[in-house]
């Protein structure tokens, strides 16, 4: 069961990272970055969420578990 959760988390994490990259490359986000100097908040949230969920998925897949 842990491996299934890990795979699903990893896939969703990668999808969030890709979505964040798409948002960061949008015209609206680039215009905001020109005027404020900061990336769009929404893109940053997608990056953070995708990285956290992806790391959780990796740990679920590869972290050794104590089995007796």
N, C-alpha and C. Protein backbone atom coordinates (compact mmCIF):
# COMPACT_ATOMS: atom_id res chain seq x y z
N UNK A 1 0.83 -1.20 0.00
CA UNK A 1 0.00 0.00 0.00
C UNK A 1 0.87 1.26 0.00
N UNK A 2 1.99 1.21 0.69
CA UNK A 2 2.88 2.37 0.76
C UNK A 2 3.48 2.73 -0.59
N UNK A 3 3.76 1.71 -1.40
CA UNK A 3 4.32 1.98 -2.73
C UNK A 3 3.31 2.64 -3.65
N UNK A 4 2.06 2.25 -3.53
CA UNK A 4 1.02 2.86 -4.36
C UNK A 4 0.86 4.34 -4.00
N UNK A 5 0.85 4.62 -2.71
CA UNK A 5 0.76 6.01 -2.25
C UNK A 5 1.98 6.79 -2.72
N UNK A 6 3.14 6.18 -2.67
CA UNK A 6 4.36 6.82 -3.12
C UNK A 6 4.35 7.15 -4.60
N UNK A 7 3.88 6.23 -5.41
CA UNK A 7 3.82 6.45 -6.86
C UNK A 7 2.82 7.56 -7.18
N UNK A 8 1.65 7.50 -6.55
CA UNK A 8 0.63 8.53 -6.80
C UNK A 8 1.14 9.90 -6.37
N UNK A 9 1.78 9.97 -5.21
CA UNK A 9 2.32 11.24 -4.72
C UNK A 9 3.41 11.78 -5.65
N UNK A 10 4.26 10.90 -6.11
CA UNK A 10 5.33 11.31 -7.01
C UNK A 10 4.79 11.84 -8.32
N UNK A 11 3.80 11.17 -8.88
CA UNK A 11 3.21 11.60 -10.15
C UNK A 11 2.51 12.95 -9.99
N UNK A 12 1.74 13.10 -8.93
CA UNK A 12 1.04 14.37 -8.70
C UNK A 12 2.05 15.48 -8.43
N UNK A 13 3.12 15.18 -7.71
CA UNK A 13 4.16 16.17 -7.45
C UNK A 13 4.82 16.67 -8.74
N UNK A 14 5.11 15.75 -9.64
CA UNK A 14 5.71 16.13 -10.93
C UNK A 14 4.72 16.97 -11.74
N UNK A 15 3.45 16.59 -11.71
CA UNK A 15 2.44 17.36 -12.44
C UNK A 15 2.32 18.78 -11.87
N UNK A 16 2.41 18.92 -10.55
CA UNK A 16 2.36 20.26 -9.94
C UNK A 16 3.58 21.09 -10.34
N UNK A 17 4.74 20.45 -10.41
CA UNK A 17 5.94 21.18 -10.84
C UNK A 17 5.82 21.65 -12.29
N UNK A 18 5.29 20.80 -13.14
CA UNK A 18 5.10 21.18 -14.55
C UNK A 18 4.08 22.31 -14.65
N UNK A 19 2.99 22.22 -13.88
CA UNK A 19 1.96 23.28 -13.90
C UNK A 19 2.55 24.60 -13.38
N UNK A 20 3.37 24.54 -12.35
CA UNK A 20 4.03 25.74 -11.85
C UNK A 20 4.95 26.36 -12.88
N UNK A 21 5.65 25.53 -13.63
CA UNK A 21 6.52 26.04 -14.69
C UNK A 21 5.70 26.71 -15.79
N UNK A 22 4.57 26.12 -16.14
CA UNK A 22 3.69 26.71 -17.15
C UNK A 22 3.16 28.07 -16.68
N UNK A 23 2.78 28.15 -15.43
CA UNK A 23 2.27 29.41 -14.89
C UNK A 23 3.36 30.46 -14.85
N UNK A 24 4.58 30.04 -14.48
CA UNK A 24 5.69 30.99 -14.40
C UNK A 24 6.06 31.54 -15.78
N UNK A 25 5.80 30.76 -16.82
CA UNK A 25 6.14 31.19 -18.18
C UNK A 25 5.00 31.92 -18.88
N UNK A 26 3.87 32.09 -18.21
CA UNK A 26 2.74 32.77 -18.85
C UNK A 26 3.04 34.27 -18.99
N UNK A 27 2.34 34.91 -19.90
CA UNK A 27 2.55 36.33 -20.16
C UNK A 27 2.20 37.15 -18.93
N UNK A 28 1.13 36.80 -18.26
CA UNK A 28 0.71 37.52 -17.06
C UNK A 28 1.79 37.47 -15.98
N UNK A 29 2.36 36.30 -15.78
CA UNK A 29 3.40 36.14 -14.77
C UNK A 29 4.67 36.90 -15.16
N UNK A 30 5.01 36.89 -16.42
CA UNK A 30 6.21 37.60 -16.87
C UNK A 30 6.04 39.10 -16.73
N UNK A 31 4.84 39.61 -17.01
CA UNK A 31 4.60 41.05 -16.84
C UNK A 31 4.68 41.43 -15.36
N UNK A 32 4.15 40.60 -14.50
CA UNK A 32 4.22 40.87 -13.06
C UNK A 32 5.67 40.87 -12.60
N UNK A 33 6.46 39.93 -13.13
CA UNK A 33 7.86 39.85 -12.74
C UNK A 33 8.64 41.06 -13.25
N UNK A 34 8.29 41.58 -14.39
CA UNK A 34 8.97 42.78 -14.91
C UNK A 34 8.73 43.97 -13.99
N UNK A 35 7.49 44.15 -13.54
CA UNK A 35 7.16 45.32 -12.75
C UNK A 35 7.48 45.18 -11.27
N UNK A 36 7.38 43.98 -10.73
CA UNK A 36 7.63 43.82 -9.29
C UNK A 36 8.97 43.17 -8.99
N UNK A 37 9.53 42.45 -9.94
CA UNK A 37 10.80 41.77 -9.72
C UNK A 37 10.66 40.43 -9.02
N UNK A 38 9.46 40.04 -8.69
CA UNK A 38 9.22 38.78 -7.99
C UNK A 38 8.39 37.84 -8.86
N UNK A 39 8.63 36.55 -8.77
CA UNK A 39 7.81 35.61 -9.54
C UNK A 39 6.38 35.58 -9.01
N UNK A 40 5.48 35.08 -9.80
CA UNK A 40 4.07 35.00 -9.40
C UNK A 40 3.91 34.10 -8.18
N UNK A 41 3.06 34.52 -7.27
CA UNK A 41 2.85 33.75 -6.05
C UNK A 41 2.29 32.37 -6.36
N UNK A 42 1.37 32.30 -7.31
CA UNK A 42 0.74 31.03 -7.65
C UNK A 42 1.77 30.03 -8.16
N UNK A 43 2.69 30.49 -8.99
CA UNK A 43 3.73 29.59 -9.51
C UNK A 43 4.61 29.09 -8.38
N UNK A 44 4.93 29.97 -7.44
CA UNK A 44 5.76 29.58 -6.30
C UNK A 44 5.06 28.54 -5.45
N UNK A 45 3.76 28.69 -5.25
CA UNK A 45 3.00 27.71 -4.48
C UNK A 45 2.98 26.35 -5.18
N UNK A 46 2.85 26.35 -6.49
CA UNK A 46 2.87 25.09 -7.23
C UNK A 46 4.25 24.43 -7.12
N UNK A 47 5.32 25.23 -7.21
CA UNK A 47 6.67 24.67 -7.08
C UNK A 47 6.88 24.05 -5.71
N UNK A 48 6.49 24.76 -4.66
CA UNK A 48 6.69 24.25 -3.31
C UNK A 48 5.85 23.00 -3.06
N UNK A 49 4.59 23.06 -3.46
CA UNK A 49 3.71 21.89 -3.28
C UNK A 49 4.18 20.69 -4.08
N UNK A 50 4.59 20.92 -5.32
CA UNK A 50 5.08 19.82 -6.15
C UNK A 50 6.36 19.20 -5.61
N UNK A 51 7.28 20.04 -5.13
CA UNK A 51 8.52 19.52 -4.57
C UNK A 51 8.25 18.73 -3.29
N UNK A 52 7.39 19.25 -2.44
CA UNK A 52 7.09 18.56 -1.18
C UNK A 52 6.40 17.22 -1.45
N UNK A 53 5.42 17.22 -2.33
CA UNK A 53 4.70 15.99 -2.63
C UNK A 53 5.59 14.99 -3.36
N UNK A 54 6.46 15.48 -4.24
CA UNK A 54 7.39 14.60 -4.93
C UNK A 54 8.39 13.96 -3.98
N UNK A 55 8.91 14.73 -3.03
CA UNK A 55 9.83 14.17 -2.04
C UNK A 55 9.13 13.16 -1.14
N UNK A 56 7.89 13.46 -0.76
CA UNK A 56 7.12 12.51 0.02
C UNK A 56 6.96 11.19 -0.74
N UNK A 57 6.65 11.29 -2.02
CA UNK A 57 6.51 10.09 -2.85
C UNK A 57 7.80 9.30 -2.95
N UNK A 58 8.92 10.01 -3.12
CA UNK A 58 10.21 9.32 -3.18
C UNK A 58 10.53 8.61 -1.87
N UNK A 59 10.28 9.28 -0.75
CA UNK A 59 10.54 8.64 0.54
C UNK A 59 9.64 7.42 0.74
N UNK A 60 8.41 7.49 0.28
CA UNK A 60 7.51 6.34 0.40
C UNK A 60 8.01 5.17 -0.44
N UNK A 61 8.62 5.47 -1.57
CA UNK A 61 9.09 4.39 -2.45
C UNK A 61 10.41 3.79 -2.01
N UNK A 62 11.35 4.64 -1.57
CA UNK A 62 12.72 4.17 -1.37
C UNK A 62 13.21 4.13 0.07
N UNK A 63 12.46 4.65 1.01
CA UNK A 63 12.91 4.65 2.39
C UNK A 63 12.77 3.23 2.94
N UNK A 64 13.84 2.72 3.56
CA UNK A 64 13.75 1.34 4.08
C UNK A 64 12.78 1.28 5.29
N UNK A 65 11.98 0.28 5.26
CA UNK A 65 11.01 0.10 6.34
C UNK A 65 11.44 -1.09 7.20
N UNK A 66 11.21 -0.98 8.47
CA UNK A 66 11.54 -2.08 9.38
C UNK A 66 10.42 -3.11 9.33
N UNK A 67 10.71 -4.23 8.77
CA UNK A 67 9.73 -5.30 8.68
C UNK A 67 10.24 -6.50 9.46
N UNK A 68 9.36 -7.10 10.19
CA UNK A 68 9.76 -8.25 10.99
C UNK A 68 9.16 -9.52 10.45
